[in-house]
Amino acid sequence: MSKSERIDASNAPKPVGLYPHARRVGDLLFLSGIGPRDPKTNGVPGLKQSTSGNFEEFDFEAQCHSVFQNVRAVLEASGARWEDLVDVTVFLTNMQRDFHTYNRIYAEYFKDNQPCRTTVGIDSLPTPIAIELKCIAVVANS
């Protein structure tokens, strides 16, 4: 049985629970759910909430770009590249509102590499984000 290697990425937002950013088992790299939070401020790009928790500003495009940057940071910390992604599961909190925007931005990032993809609509995520990615990559053994 292969042992797994825990990977924590200093350039990605800290996990919101007790889990690593990724685990590598042989040639497979499994990323934990990655959201759009800013690694430096822990804020959500494009999101401003009132003290009562209502959204005052909401920019889903900013969240999409940020989540892709965070996935890239975890991949790089793991010795992998964007092109190594083979499977992406995307969780959207509002499929009807956000799917077309997500699909358009996804096409920009994945025009040269087209991993398998599943998109799932969900009610909520643990923080006030609208998108989260769960990814698998294949990387060569060192």
N, C-alpha and C. Protein backbone atom coordinates (compact mmCIF):
# COMPACT_ATOMS: atom_id res chain seq x y z
N MET A 1 0.83 -1.18 0.00
CA MET A 1 0.00 0.00 0.00
C MET A 1 0.87 1.24 0.00
N SER A 2 0.52 2.21 -0.84
CA SER A 2 1.29 3.45 -0.93
C SER A 2 0.99 4.35 0.24
N LYS A 3 2.02 5.01 0.71
CA LYS A 3 1.82 6.02 1.74
C LYS A 3 1.48 7.33 1.07
N SER A 4 0.77 8.16 1.78
CA SER A 4 0.42 9.46 1.21
C SER A 4 1.27 10.55 1.85
N GLU A 5 1.52 11.56 1.08
CA GLU A 5 2.31 12.71 1.53
C GLU A 5 1.37 13.90 1.69
N ARG A 6 1.38 14.50 2.86
CA ARG A 6 0.57 15.68 3.15
C ARG A 6 1.25 16.91 2.57
N ILE A 7 0.45 17.79 1.94
CA ILE A 7 1.00 19.00 1.35
C ILE A 7 0.21 20.20 1.86
N ASP A 8 0.93 21.16 2.41
CA ASP A 8 0.35 22.42 2.84
C ASP A 8 1.02 23.53 2.03
N ALA A 9 0.21 24.37 1.42
CA ALA A 9 0.70 25.42 0.52
C ALA A 9 0.68 26.77 1.24
N SER A 10 1.84 27.38 1.41
CA SER A 10 1.90 28.66 2.12
C SER A 10 1.27 29.80 1.32
N ASN A 11 1.17 29.65 0.00
CA ASN A 11 0.60 30.70 -0.85
C ASN A 11 -0.89 30.50 -1.14
N ALA A 12 -1.55 29.62 -0.41
CA ALA A 12 -2.98 29.37 -0.58
C ALA A 12 -3.68 29.71 0.74
N PRO A 13 -4.98 29.99 0.68
CA PRO A 13 -5.69 30.29 1.94
C PRO A 13 -5.64 29.11 2.90
N LYS A 14 -5.56 29.40 4.17
CA LYS A 14 -5.53 28.33 5.17
C LYS A 14 -6.84 27.54 5.13
N PRO A 15 -6.78 26.23 5.29
CA PRO A 15 -8.00 25.43 5.35
C PRO A 15 -8.89 25.89 6.51
N VAL A 16 -10.19 25.72 6.35
CA VAL A 16 -11.13 26.13 7.41
C VAL A 16 -11.42 24.98 8.38
N GLY A 17 -10.69 23.90 8.24
CA GLY A 17 -10.84 22.75 9.14
C GLY A 17 -9.54 21.99 9.23
N LEU A 18 -9.61 20.82 9.81
CA LEU A 18 -8.43 19.99 10.02
C LEU A 18 -8.20 19.11 8.80
N TYR A 19 -7.57 19.65 7.79
CA TYR A 19 -7.24 18.91 6.57
C TYR A 19 -6.12 19.63 5.83
N PRO A 20 -5.35 18.92 5.02
CA PRO A 20 -4.27 19.54 4.25
C PRO A 20 -4.82 20.15 2.96
N HIS A 21 -4.01 20.95 2.32
CA HIS A 21 -4.38 21.46 1.00
C HIS A 21 -4.44 20.32 -0.02
N ALA A 22 -3.54 19.36 0.13
CA ALA A 22 -3.50 18.25 -0.83
C ALA A 22 -2.82 17.04 -0.20
N ARG A 23 -3.03 15.90 -0.84
CA ARG A 23 -2.31 14.66 -0.49
C ARG A 23 -1.89 14.01 -1.79
N ARG A 24 -0.65 13.56 -1.76
CA ARG A 24 -0.10 12.85 -2.92
C ARG A 24 0.04 11.37 -2.57
N VAL A 25 -0.48 10.52 -3.46
CA VAL A 25 -0.36 9.08 -3.32
C VAL A 25 0.15 8.56 -4.66
N GLY A 26 1.39 8.11 -4.70
CA GLY A 26 1.97 7.68 -5.98
C GLY A 26 1.97 8.83 -6.97
N ASP A 27 1.41 8.59 -8.14
CA ASP A 27 1.36 9.63 -9.18
C ASP A 27 0.11 10.49 -9.10
N LEU A 28 -0.74 10.26 -8.11
CA LEU A 28 -1.98 11.02 -8.01
C LEU A 28 -1.89 12.08 -6.92
N LEU A 29 -2.42 13.24 -7.23
CA LEU A 29 -2.47 14.36 -6.30
C LEU A 29 -3.94 14.73 -6.11
N PHE A 30 -4.40 14.67 -4.86
CA PHE A 30 -5.78 14.98 -4.53
C PHE A 30 -5.81 16.30 -3.78
N LEU A 31 -6.48 17.30 -4.34
CA LEU A 31 -6.61 18.59 -3.67
C LEU A 31 -7.88 18.60 -2.84
N SER A 32 -7.78 19.14 -1.62
CA SER A 32 -8.97 19.38 -0.83
C SER A 32 -9.78 20.47 -1.51
N GLY A 33 -11.00 20.69 -1.07
CA GLY A 33 -11.80 21.76 -1.65
C GLY A 33 -11.08 23.09 -1.52
N ILE A 34 -10.95 23.79 -2.64
CA ILE A 34 -10.23 25.06 -2.68
C ILE A 34 -11.24 26.15 -3.04
N GLY A 35 -11.30 27.18 -2.22
CA GLY A 35 -12.20 28.30 -2.47
C GLY A 35 -11.44 29.54 -2.90
N PRO A 36 -12.15 30.66 -3.02
CA PRO A 36 -11.54 31.88 -3.54
C PRO A 36 -10.96 32.82 -2.49
N ARG A 37 -10.93 32.44 -1.21
CA ARG A 37 -10.43 33.37 -0.19
C ARG A 37 -9.01 33.82 -0.51
N ASP A 38 -8.72 35.07 -0.22
CA ASP A 38 -7.40 35.65 -0.43
C ASP A 38 -6.44 35.09 0.62
N PRO A 39 -5.30 34.51 0.20
CA PRO A 39 -4.38 33.89 1.17
C PRO A 39 -3.78 34.89 2.16
N LYS A 40 -3.70 36.16 1.79
CA LYS A 40 -3.08 37.16 2.68
C LYS A 40 -4.08 37.76 3.65
N THR A 41 -5.29 38.05 3.18
CA THR A 41 -6.27 38.75 4.02
C THR A 41 -7.36 37.84 4.56
N ASN A 42 -7.53 36.67 3.99
CA ASN A 42 -8.59 35.72 4.29
C ASN A 42 -9.96 36.24 3.84
N GLY A 43 -9.98 37.40 3.18
CA GLY A 43 -11.23 37.93 2.65
C GLY A 43 -11.60 37.24 1.35
N VAL A 44 -12.84 37.44 0.93
CA VAL A 44 -13.33 36.86 -0.32
C VAL A 44 -13.31 37.95 -1.38
N PRO A 45 -12.49 37.81 -2.44
CA PRO A 45 -12.44 38.82 -3.49
C PRO A 45 -13.83 39.09 -4.07
N GLY A 46 -14.14 40.37 -4.25
CA GLY A 46 -15.41 40.74 -4.85
C GLY A 46 -16.59 40.65 -3.91
N LEU A 47 -16.36 40.42 -2.62
CA LEU A 47 -17.46 40.27 -1.67
C LEU A 47 -17.29 41.26 -0.53
N LYS A 48 -18.33 42.03 -0.30
CA LYS A 48 -18.36 42.92 0.86
C LYS A 48 -19.70 42.69 1.54
N GLN A 49 -19.63 42.43 2.86
CA GLN A 49 -20.84 42.16 3.63
C GLN A 49 -21.06 43.26 4.66
N SER A 50 -22.32 43.56 4.95
CA SER A 50 -22.66 44.50 6.00
C SER A 50 -22.43 43.81 7.35
N THR A 51 -22.51 44.58 8.43
CA THR A 51 -22.32 44.00 9.76
C THR A 51 -23.41 42.98 10.08
N SER A 52 -24.55 43.08 9.40
CA SER A 52 -25.62 42.11 9.62
C SER A 52 -25.47 40.87 8.73
N GLY A 53 -24.43 40.86 7.86
CA GLY A 53 -24.16 39.69 7.03
C GLY A 53 -24.75 39.74 5.64
N ASN A 54 -25.47 40.81 5.31
CA ASN A 54 -26.02 40.94 3.96
C ASN A 54 -24.94 41.35 2.98
N PHE A 55 -25.06 40.88 1.74
CA PHE A 55 -24.08 41.25 0.72
C PHE A 55 -24.31 42.69 0.29
N GLU A 56 -23.24 43.49 0.35
CA GLU A 56 -23.28 44.86 -0.17
C GLU A 56 -22.67 44.90 -1.56
N GLU A 57 -21.68 44.05 -1.77
CA GLU A 57 -21.04 43.90 -3.09
C GLU A 57 -20.83 42.41 -3.32
N PHE A 58 -21.01 41.99 -4.57
CA PHE A 58 -20.82 40.58 -4.93
C PHE A 58 -20.32 40.53 -6.36
N ASP A 59 -19.11 40.00 -6.55
CA ASP A 59 -18.51 39.88 -7.88
C ASP A 59 -18.08 38.43 -8.06
N PHE A 60 -18.94 37.65 -8.72
CA PHE A 60 -18.66 36.24 -8.91
C PHE A 60 -17.44 36.02 -9.79
N GLU A 61 -17.23 36.87 -10.79
CA GLU A 61 -16.04 36.73 -11.66
C GLU A 61 -14.77 36.82 -10.83
N ALA A 62 -14.71 37.74 -9.89
CA ALA A 62 -13.52 37.87 -9.04
C ALA A 62 -13.30 36.59 -8.24
N GLN A 63 -14.38 35.95 -7.76
CA GLN A 63 -14.24 34.70 -7.04
C GLN A 63 -13.71 33.59 -7.95
N CYS A 64 -14.19 33.55 -9.19
CA CYS A 64 -13.70 32.53 -10.14
C CYS A 64 -12.21 32.66 -10.38
N HIS A 65 -11.76 33.86 -10.69
CA HIS A 65 -10.33 34.07 -10.95
C HIS A 65 -9.50 33.72 -9.71
N SER A 66 -10.00 34.09 -8.54
CA SER A 66 -9.27 33.82 -7.31
C SER A 66 -9.18 32.33 -7.00
N VAL A 67 -10.28 31.60 -7.23
CA VAL A 67 -10.25 30.16 -6.94
C VAL A 67 -9.25 29.46 -7.87
N PHE A 68 -9.16 29.89 -9.12
CA PHE A 68 -8.18 29.29 -10.03
C PHE A 68 -6.75 29.63 -9.59
N GLN A 69 -6.52 30.84 -9.11
CA GLN A 69 -5.19 31.20 -8.61
C GLN A 69 -4.83 30.34 -7.39
N ASN A 70 -5.80 30.10 -6.53
CA ASN A 70 -5.54 29.29 -5.33
C ASN A 70 -5.27 27.83 -5.69
N VAL A 71 -5.99 27.30 -6.67
CA VAL A 71 -5.71 25.93 -7.14
C VAL A 71 -4.29 25.87 -7.69
N ARG A 72 -3.93 26.85 -8.49
CA ARG A 72 -2.57 26.88 -9.06
C ARG A 72 -1.52 26.93 -7.94
N ALA A 73 -1.76 27.70 -6.88
CA ALA A 73 -0.80 27.79 -5.77
C ALA A 73 -0.62 26.43 -5.09
N VAL A 74 -1.71 25.70 -4.90
CA VAL A 74 -1.61 24.37 -4.27
C VAL A 74 -0.90 23.40 -5.20
N LEU A 75 -1.21 23.46 -6.48
CA LEU A 75 -0.52 22.59 -7.45
C LEU A 75 0.98 22.84 -7.41
N GLU A 76 1.38 24.11 -7.47
CA GLU A 76 2.81 24.45 -7.48
C GLU A 76 3.49 24.02 -6.19
N ALA A 77 2.82 24.19 -5.05
CA ALA A 77 3.40 23.75 -3.77
C ALA A 77 3.55 22.24 -3.73
N SER A 78 2.79 21.55 -4.56
CA SER A 78 2.82 20.09 -4.62
C SER A 78 3.76 19.55 -5.70
N GLY A 79 4.43 20.45 -6.42
CA GLY A 79 5.31 20.02 -7.50
C GLY A 79 4.56 19.68 -8.77
N ALA A 80 3.34 20.17 -8.89
CA ALA A 80 2.51 19.90 -10.07
C ALA A 80 2.28 21.18 -10.86
N ARG A 81 1.73 21.02 -12.04
CA ARG A 81 1.42 22.15 -12.92
C ARG A 81 -0.07 22.14 -13.25
N TRP A 82 -0.56 23.26 -13.72
CA TRP A 82 -1.95 23.39 -14.15
C TRP A 82 -2.30 22.31 -15.17
N GLU A 83 -1.38 22.02 -16.05
CA GLU A 83 -1.59 21.03 -17.11
C GLU A 83 -1.71 19.61 -16.58
N ASP A 84 -1.34 19.39 -15.32
CA ASP A 84 -1.42 18.05 -14.71
C ASP A 84 -2.82 17.71 -14.21
N LEU A 85 -3.71 18.69 -14.19
CA LEU A 85 -5.08 18.44 -13.72
C LEU A 85 -5.79 17.46 -14.66
N VAL A 86 -6.44 16.45 -14.08
CA VAL A 86 -7.18 15.48 -14.88
C VAL A 86 -8.66 15.42 -14.52
N ASP A 87 -9.03 15.98 -13.36
CA ASP A 87 -10.42 15.95 -12.94
C ASP A 87 -10.71 17.16 -12.06
N VAL A 88 -11.81 17.84 -12.35
CA VAL A 88 -12.23 19.01 -11.59
C VAL A 88 -13.70 18.86 -11.23
N THR A 89 -13.99 18.96 -9.95
CA THR A 89 -15.38 19.02 -9.50
C THR A 89 -15.61 20.41 -8.97
N VAL A 90 -16.62 21.07 -9.48
CA VAL A 90 -16.92 22.44 -9.09
C VAL A 90 -18.23 22.47 -8.32
N PHE A 91 -18.24 23.20 -7.22
CA PHE A 91 -19.44 23.37 -6.41
C PHE A 91 -19.86 24.83 -6.51
N LEU A 92 -21.09 25.07 -6.95
CA LEU A 92 -21.64 26.42 -7.08
C LEU A 92 -22.84 26.55 -6.15
N THR A 93 -22.89 27.66 -5.40
CA THR A 93 -24.02 27.86 -4.49
C THR A 93 -25.25 28.41 -5.21
N ASN A 94 -25.07 28.90 -6.43
CA ASN A 94 -26.22 29.38 -7.21
C ASN A 94 -26.00 29.02 -8.67
N MET A 95 -26.37 27.81 -9.03
CA MET A 95 -26.14 27.30 -10.38
C MET A 95 -26.79 28.20 -11.43
N GLN A 96 -28.02 28.58 -11.22
CA GLN A 96 -28.74 29.36 -12.22
C GLN A 96 -28.07 30.70 -12.48
N ARG A 97 -27.66 31.39 -11.45
CA ARG A 97 -27.03 32.70 -11.59
C ARG A 97 -25.60 32.61 -12.11
N ASP A 98 -24.82 31.62 -11.65
CA ASP A 98 -23.37 31.66 -11.84
C ASP A 98 -22.79 30.70 -12.87
N PHE A 99 -23.55 29.70 -13.32
CA PHE A 99 -22.96 28.69 -14.19
C PHE A 99 -22.40 29.27 -15.48
N HIS A 100 -23.12 30.13 -16.15
CA HIS A 100 -22.64 30.65 -17.44
C HIS A 100 -21.37 31.48 -17.28
N THR A 101 -21.31 32.26 -16.22
CA THR A 101 -20.09 33.04 -15.94
C THR A 101 -18.94 32.09 -15.65
N TYR A 102 -19.17 31.11 -14.79
CA TYR A 102 -18.13 30.14 -14.46
C TYR A 102 -17.66 29.40 -15.72
N ASN A 103 -18.58 28.96 -16.53
CA ASN A 103 -18.24 28.20 -17.74
C ASN A 103 -17.37 29.03 -18.68
N ARG A 104 -17.68 30.31 -18.82
CA ARG A 104 -16.90 31.21 -19.69
C ARG A 104 -15.47 31.40 -19.15
N ILE A 105 -15.35 31.63 -17.85
CA ILE A 105 -14.02 31.85 -17.25
C ILE A 105 -13.24 30.54 -17.23
N TYR A 106 -13.90 29.43 -16.96
CA TYR A 106 -13.27 28.11 -16.99
C TYR A 106 -12.63 27.88 -18.36
N ALA A 107 -13.34 28.22 -19.43
CA ALA A 107 -12.83 28.01 -20.79
C ALA A 107 -11.55 28.80 -21.03
N GLU A 108 -11.41 29.96 -20.41
CA GLU A 108 -10.17 30.75 -20.55
C GLU A 108 -8.99 30.02 -19.92
N TYR A 109 -9.21 29.45 -18.76
CA TYR A 109 -8.13 28.80 -18.01
C TYR A 109 -7.80 27.40 -18.54
N PHE A 110 -8.76 26.75 -19.17
CA PHE A 110 -8.57 25.36 -19.58
C PHE A 110 -8.60 25.18 -21.09
N LYS A 111 -8.26 26.21 -21.85
CA LYS A 111 -8.32 26.06 -23.31
C LYS A 111 -7.27 25.07 -23.82
N ASP A 112 -6.13 24.93 -23.12
CA ASP A 112 -5.08 24.01 -23.57
C ASP A 112 -5.11 22.67 -22.85
N ASN A 113 -5.70 22.62 -21.68
CA ASN A 113 -5.81 21.38 -20.91
C ASN A 113 -7.28 21.22 -20.56
N GLN A 114 -7.87 20.10 -20.91
CA GLN A 114 -9.29 19.91 -20.66
C GLN A 114 -9.51 18.66 -19.81
N PRO A 115 -9.43 18.85 -18.47
CA PRO A 115 -9.67 17.72 -17.58
C PRO A 115 -11.15 17.34 -17.58
N CYS A 116 -11.46 16.18 -17.07
CA CYS A 116 -12.86 15.82 -16.84
C CYS A 116 -13.43 16.84 -15.85
N ARG A 117 -14.74 17.08 -15.94
CA ARG A 117 -15.33 18.09 -15.06
C ARG A 117 -16.75 17.70 -14.67
N THR A 118 -17.06 17.95 -13.42
CA THR A 118 -18.41 17.80 -12.90
C THR A 118 -18.77 19.10 -12.20
N THR A 119 -19.97 19.61 -12.45
CA THR A 119 -20.43 20.83 -11.79
C THR A 119 -21.66 20.48 -10.96
N VAL A 120 -21.62 20.85 -9.68
CA VAL A 120 -22.68 20.50 -8.75
C VAL A 120 -23.24 21.76 -8.11
N GLY A 121 -24.55 21.89 -8.11
CA GLY A 121 -25.20 22.98 -7.40
C GLY A 121 -25.46 22.56 -5.96
N ILE A 122 -25.09 23.42 -5.02
CA ILE A 122 -25.26 23.11 -3.59
C ILE A 122 -25.92 24.30 -2.90
N ASP A 123 -26.40 24.09 -1.68
CA ASP A 123 -27.07 25.15 -0.94
C ASP A 123 -26.11 26.17 -0.35
N SER A 124 -24.98 25.70 0.17
CA SER A 124 -24.04 26.64 0.80
C SER A 124 -22.69 25.96 0.96
N LEU A 125 -21.71 26.79 1.30
CA LEU A 125 -20.36 26.34 1.62
C LEU A 125 -20.03 26.86 3.03
N PRO A 126 -18.96 26.36 3.67
CA PRO A 126 -18.71 26.72 5.07
C PRO A 126 -18.37 28.19 5.32
N THR A 127 -17.95 28.90 4.31
CA THR A 127 -17.67 30.34 4.43
C THR A 127 -18.52 31.04 3.37
N PRO A 128 -18.63 32.37 3.39
CA PRO A 128 -19.52 33.04 2.44
C PRO A 128 -18.94 33.13 1.03
N ILE A 129 -18.62 31.99 0.46
CA ILE A 129 -18.10 31.93 -0.91
C ILE A 129 -19.16 31.30 -1.80
N ALA A 130 -19.04 31.54 -3.10
CA ALA A 130 -20.04 31.03 -4.05
C ALA A 130 -19.51 29.90 -4.90
N ILE A 131 -18.21 29.56 -4.75
CA ILE A 131 -17.59 28.54 -5.59
C ILE A 131 -16.48 27.83 -4.81
N GLU A 132 -16.34 26.54 -5.07
CA GLU A 132 -15.25 25.75 -4.52
C GLU A 132 -14.89 24.68 -5.54
N LEU A 133 -13.59 24.38 -5.68
CA LEU A 133 -13.12 23.35 -6.61
C LEU A 133 -12.47 22.21 -5.84
N LYS A 134 -12.72 21.00 -6.29
CA LYS A 134 -12.07 19.78 -5.79
C LYS A 134 -11.38 19.17 -7.00
N CYS A 135 -10.07 19.00 -6.94
CA CYS A 135 -9.31 18.62 -8.13
C CYS A 135 -8.43 17.40 -7.90
N ILE A 136 -8.15 16.70 -8.99
CA ILE A 136 -7.20 15.59 -9.00
C ILE A 136 -6.22 15.86 -10.14
N ALA A 137 -4.94 15.65 -9.86
CA ALA A 137 -3.90 15.82 -10.86
C ALA A 137 -3.04 14.55 -10.91
N VAL A 138 -2.38 14.35 -12.01
CA VAL A 138 -1.41 13.26 -12.16
C VAL A 138 -0.04 13.90 -12.27
N VAL A 139 0.87 13.47 -11.40
CA VAL A 139 2.22 14.01 -11.40
C VAL A 139 3.21 12.86 -11.41
N ALA A 140 4.35 13.09 -12.02
CA ALA A 140 5.37 12.06 -12.07
C ALA A 140 6.01 11.87 -10.71
N ASN A 141 6.32 10.64 -10.36
CA ASN A 141 7.04 10.38 -9.11
C ASN A 141 8.43 10.96 -9.18
N SER A 142 8.87 11.49 -8.06
CA SER A 142 10.22 12.06 -7.98
C SER A 142 11.23 10.99 -7.71
